[in-house]
Amino acid sequence: MILVDTGVLYAAADDGDVLHAAATDWLAGVSDELIVPTPIAVETAWLLDDRLGPEHEANFLRSLNRKEMTRVDLTDDDWQRVEDLVVQYSDLQLGTADASIVAAAERLGVEVVATFNDRDFRVVRPRHIDAFTLVPRPLS
C-alpha cells in the first residue's frame, strides 16, 4: 500500500506541470494499492477544478469511483491525530491534508508515501516507523 499526496495526483493530471512526466511514469509503473485519504481527495478535486476545470475534476472522481485508487475516510482517532500533528508541526504549517496522510499511514501501517513534498514528509516522524519512504523520485 502507498498513500498518495495531492501533488502527485495533480501533476499527473496537468500536462503543463513540471512534474507531470515523473508523476505519470510512476503511476503507470506502480502495482501497489494506492490509498487516498478523504482530505487529499477533496484537496485534489478542488485544485483540479480551480486550475484545470471541471472535466479534470470529474476524471479524478471517476478514477476513485472505478476503484483505481482506494479512498480512505479518517476515523475519530485519526482526526485527533491530525489535530495533534498540526499543532506539533505548526512551524512547518503541515496542514490538515498532509497530516491526514500521516494519521492514515500510522493506522494502516503504511510506510511509503507518494509525494513531491519532501520538505514536510522528510521532517515529520510517524509513530510506527522512523521515517517515510518517499516516491516517486523526480529526475534532477
C-alpha atoms as a PDB file:
ATOM      1  CA  MET A   1       0.000   0.000   0.000  1.00  0.00           C
ATOM      2  CA  ILE A   2       1.120   3.505  -0.831  1.00  0.00           C
ATOM      3  CA  LEU A   3      -0.534   6.684   0.410  1.00  0.00           C
ATOM      4  CA  VAL A   4      -0.795   9.305  -2.329  1.00  0.00           C
ATOM      5  CA  ASP A   5      -0.478  13.055  -1.796  1.00  0.00           C
ATOM      6  CA  THR A   6      -2.190  15.778  -3.814  1.00  0.00           C
ATOM      7  CA  GLY A   7       0.967  16.900  -5.621  1.00  0.00           C
ATOM      8  CA  VAL A   8       1.404  13.586  -7.414  1.00  0.00           C
ATOM      9  CA  LEU A   9      -2.274  13.380  -8.360  1.00  0.00           C
ATOM     10  CA  TYR A  10      -2.343  16.969  -9.588  1.00  0.00           C
ATOM     11  CA  ALA A  11       0.911  16.680 -11.560  1.00  0.00           C
ATOM     12  CA  ALA A  12      -0.395  13.557 -13.289  1.00  0.00           C
ATOM     13  CA  ALA A  13      -3.489  15.449 -14.462  1.00  0.00           C
ATOM     14  CA  ASP A  14      -1.748  18.653 -15.553  1.00  0.00           C
ATOM     15  CA  ASP A  15       0.374  18.047 -18.635  1.00  0.00           C
ATOM     16  CA  GLY A  16       1.876  21.514 -18.159  1.00  0.00           C
ATOM     17  CA  ASP A  17       3.190  20.706 -14.680  1.00  0.00           C
ATOM     18  CA  VAL A  18       6.984  20.338 -14.479  1.00  0.00           C
ATOM     19  CA  LEU A  19       6.491  17.082 -12.559  1.00  0.00           C
ATOM     20  CA  HIS A  20       3.886  15.654 -14.958  1.00  0.00           C
ATOM     21  CA  ALA A  21       6.211  13.080 -16.530  1.00  0.00           C
ATOM     22  CA  ALA A  22       7.570  11.957 -13.157  1.00  0.00           C
ATOM     23  CA  ALA A  23       4.026  11.511 -11.826  1.00  0.00           C
ATOM     24  CA  THR A  24       2.566   9.752 -14.861  1.00  0.00           C
ATOM     25  CA  ASP A  25       5.571   7.485 -15.356  1.00  0.00           C
ATOM     26  CA  TRP A  26       5.493   6.455 -11.713  1.00  0.00           C
ATOM     27  CA  LEU A  27       1.715   5.893 -11.670  1.00  0.00           C
ATOM     28  CA  ALA A  28       1.931   3.814 -14.865  1.00  0.00           C
ATOM     29  CA  GLY A  29       4.525   1.525 -13.300  1.00  0.00           C
ATOM     30  CA  VAL A  30       3.165   1.105  -9.786  1.00  0.00           C
ATOM     31  CA  SER A  31       1.419  -2.129  -8.864  1.00  0.00           C
ATOM     32  CA  ASP A  32       0.790  -1.472  -5.169  1.00  0.00           C
ATOM     33  CA  GLU A  33      -2.625  -0.404  -3.897  1.00  0.00           C
ATOM     34  CA  LEU A  34      -2.864   3.396  -3.919  1.00  0.00           C
ATOM     35  CA  ILE A  35      -4.596   4.911  -0.888  1.00  0.00           C
ATOM     36  CA  VAL A  36      -6.077   8.425  -0.925  1.00  0.00           C
ATOM     37  CA  PRO A  37      -7.289   9.839   2.408  1.00  0.00           C
ATOM     38  CA  THR A  38     -10.535  11.787   2.063  1.00  0.00           C
ATOM     39  CA  PRO A  39      -8.914  15.187   2.812  1.00  0.00           C
ATOM     40  CA  ILE A  40      -6.450  14.542  -0.033  1.00  0.00           C
ATOM     41  CA  ALA A  41      -9.311  13.590  -2.367  1.00  0.00           C
ATOM     42  CA  VAL A  42     -11.112  16.827  -1.538  1.00  0.00           C
ATOM     43  CA  GLU A  43      -7.977  18.953  -1.896  1.00  0.00           C
ATOM     44  CA  THR A  44      -7.103  17.314  -5.220  1.00  0.00           C
ATOM     45  CA  ALA A  45     -10.616  17.671  -6.619  1.00  0.00           C
ATOM     46  CA  TRP A  46     -10.711  21.353  -5.651  1.00  0.00           C
ATOM     47  CA  LEU A  47      -7.314  22.096  -7.210  1.00  0.00           C
ATOM     48  CA  LEU A  48      -8.172  20.264 -10.414  1.00  0.00           C
ATOM     49  CA  ASP A  49     -11.442  22.151 -10.778  1.00  0.00           C
ATOM     50  CA  ASP A  50      -9.882  25.504  -9.860  1.00  0.00           C
ATOM     51  CA  ARG A  51      -6.807  25.248 -12.080  1.00  0.00           C
ATOM     52  CA  LEU A  52      -7.782  22.876 -14.892  1.00  0.00           C
ATOM     53  CA  GLY A  53     -11.578  22.836 -14.950  1.00  0.00           C
ATOM     54  CA  PRO A  54     -14.470  20.558 -14.045  1.00  0.00           C
ATOM     55  CA  GLU A  55     -13.614  17.886 -16.638  1.00  0.00           C
ATOM     56  CA  HIS A  56     -10.310  17.208 -14.849  1.00  0.00           C
ATOM     57  CA  GLU A  57     -12.069  17.091 -11.507  1.00  0.00           C
ATOM     58  CA  ALA A  58     -14.607  14.626 -12.949  1.00  0.00           C
ATOM     59  CA  ASN A  59     -11.812  12.433 -14.351  1.00  0.00           C
ATOM     60  CA  PHE A  60     -10.206  12.261 -10.913  1.00  0.00           C
ATOM     61  CA  LEU A  61     -13.520  11.413  -9.246  1.00  0.00           C
ATOM     62  CA  ARG A  62     -14.129   8.774 -11.918  1.00  0.00           C
ATOM     63  CA  SER A  63     -10.801   7.117 -11.050  1.00  0.00           C
ATOM     64  CA  LEU A  64     -11.845   6.975  -7.394  1.00  0.00           C
ATOM     65  CA  ASN A  65     -15.285   5.624  -8.274  1.00  0.00           C
ATOM     66  CA  ARG A  66     -13.731   2.954 -10.506  1.00  0.00           C
ATOM     67  CA  LYS A  67     -11.539   1.949  -7.566  1.00  0.00           C
ATOM     68  CA  GLU A  68      -8.326   2.728  -9.445  1.00  0.00           C
ATOM     69  CA  MET A  69      -7.330   4.213  -6.091  1.00  0.00           C
ATOM     70  CA  THR A  70      -8.795   3.451  -2.676  1.00  0.00           C
ATOM     71  CA  ARG A  71     -10.336   6.363  -0.797  1.00  0.00           C
ATOM     72  CA  VAL A  72      -9.947   6.051   2.967  1.00  0.00           C
ATOM     73  CA  ASP A  73     -12.051   8.007   5.424  1.00  0.00           C
ATOM     74  CA  LEU A  74     -10.496   9.200   8.657  1.00  0.00           C
ATOM     75  CA  THR A  75     -11.621   7.788  11.985  1.00  0.00           C
ATOM     76  CA  ASP A  76     -12.255   9.892  15.078  1.00  0.00           C
ATOM     77  CA  ASP A  77      -8.816   8.851  16.355  1.00  0.00           C
ATOM     78  CA  ASP A  78      -7.275   9.890  13.024  1.00  0.00           C
ATOM     79  CA  TRP A  79      -8.876  13.334  13.299  1.00  0.00           C
ATOM     80  CA  GLN A  80      -7.426  13.710  16.788  1.00  0.00           C
ATOM     81  CA  ARG A  81      -4.018  12.727  15.440  1.00  0.00           C
ATOM     82  CA  VAL A  82      -4.412  15.262  12.599  1.00  0.00           C
ATOM     83  CA  GLU A  83      -5.048  17.968  15.183  1.00  0.00           C
ATOM     84  CA  ASP A  84      -2.028  16.865  17.215  1.00  0.00           C
ATOM     85  CA  LEU A  85       0.214  16.871  14.140  1.00  0.00           C
ATOM     86  CA  VAL A  86      -0.960  20.316  13.013  1.00  0.00           C
ATOM     87  CA  VAL A  87      -0.053  21.644  16.471  1.00  0.00           C
ATOM     88  CA  GLN A  88       3.208  19.688  16.752  1.00  0.00           C
ATOM     89  CA  TYR A  89       4.427  20.780  13.314  1.00  0.00           C
ATOM     90  CA  SER A  90       2.998  24.307  13.349  1.00  0.00           C
ATOM     91  CA  ASP A  91       6.399  25.664  12.296  1.00  0.00           C
ATOM     92  CA  LEU A  92       6.018  23.699   9.037  1.00  0.00           C
ATOM     93  CA  GLN A  93       2.378  24.701   8.644  1.00  0.00           C
ATOM     94  CA  LEU A  94       1.788  20.995   7.984  1.00  0.00           C
ATOM     95  CA  GLY A  95      -1.941  21.412   7.383  1.00  0.00           C
ATOM     96  CA  THR A  96      -4.880  19.061   7.568  1.00  0.00           C
ATOM     97  CA  ALA A  97      -4.327  17.332   4.233  1.00  0.00           C
ATOM     98  CA  ASP A  98      -0.703  16.338   4.866  1.00  0.00           C
ATOM     99  CA  ALA A  99      -1.434  15.455   8.484  1.00  0.00           C
ATOM    100  CA  SER A 100      -4.215  13.161   7.243  1.00  0.00           C
ATOM    101  CA  ILE A 101      -1.630  11.177   5.291  1.00  0.00           C
ATOM    102  CA  VAL A 102       0.449  10.710   8.429  1.00  0.00           C
ATOM    103  CA  ALA A 103      -2.569   9.701  10.541  1.00  0.00           C
ATOM    104  CA  ALA A 104      -3.846   7.241   7.930  1.00  0.00           C
ATOM    105  CA  ALA A 105      -0.355   5.784   7.444  1.00  0.00           C
ATOM    106  CA  GLU A 106       0.019   5.210  11.165  1.00  0.00           C
ATOM    107  CA  ARG A 107      -3.355   3.465  11.436  1.00  0.00           C
ATOM    108  CA  LEU A 108      -2.866   1.341   8.319  1.00  0.00           C
ATOM    109  CA  GLY A 109       0.830   0.619   8.891  1.00  0.00           C
ATOM    110  CA  VAL A 110       1.820   2.200   5.573  1.00  0.00           C
ATOM    111  CA  GLU A 111       5.485   3.147   5.177  1.00  0.00           C
ATOM    112  CA  VAL A 112       5.524   4.607   1.642  1.00  0.00           C
ATOM    113  CA  VAL A 113       4.111   7.997   0.634  1.00  0.00           C
ATOM    114  CA  ALA A 114       3.840   9.188  -2.965  1.00  0.00           C
ATOM    115  CA  THR A 115       4.606  12.891  -2.728  1.00  0.00           C
ATOM    116  CA  PHE A 116       6.732  15.660  -4.150  1.00  0.00           C
ATOM    117  CA  ASN A 117       6.552  17.411  -0.763  1.00  0.00           C
ATOM    118  CA  ASP A 118       9.935  16.406   0.626  1.00  0.00           C
ATOM    119  CA  ARG A 119      10.005  19.483   2.858  1.00  0.00           C
ATOM    120  CA  ASP A 120       7.246  18.209   5.141  1.00  0.00           C
ATOM    121  CA  PHE A 121       7.459  14.453   4.796  1.00  0.00           C
ATOM    122  CA  ARG A 122      11.218  14.289   5.464  1.00  0.00           C
ATOM    123  CA  VAL A 123      10.701  16.172   8.746  1.00  0.00           C
ATOM    124  CA  VAL A 124       7.534  14.554  10.132  1.00  0.00           C
ATOM    125  CA  ARG A 125       8.194  11.499  12.303  1.00  0.00           C
ATOM    126  CA  PRO A 126       5.349   8.988  12.186  1.00  0.00           C
ATOM    127  CA  ARG A 127       4.713   6.868  15.261  1.00  0.00           C
ATOM    128  CA  HIS A 128       5.063   3.479  13.550  1.00  0.00           C
ATOM    129  CA  ILE A 129       8.388   3.933  11.714  1.00  0.00           C
ATOM    130  CA  ASP A 130      11.460   6.165  11.860  1.00  0.00           C
ATOM    131  CA  ALA A 131      10.669   7.906   8.569  1.00  0.00           C
ATOM    132  CA  PHE A 132       8.550   7.508   5.456  1.00  0.00           C
ATOM    133  CA  THR A 133       9.914   6.171   2.200  1.00  0.00           C
ATOM    134  CA  LEU A 134       9.058   8.822  -0.378  1.00  0.00           C
ATOM    135  CA  VAL A 135       8.276   8.068  -4.021  1.00  0.00           C
ATOM    136  CA  PRO A 136       8.467   8.936  -6.871  1.00  0.00           C
ATOM    137  CA  ARG A 137      11.883  10.478  -7.074  1.00  0.00           C
ATOM    138  CA  PRO A 138      11.775  13.057  -9.868  1.00  0.00           C
ATOM    139  CA  LEU A 139      14.777  13.374 -12.122  1.00  0.00           C
ATOM    140  CA  SER A 140      17.055  16.304 -11.285  1.00  0.00           C
END
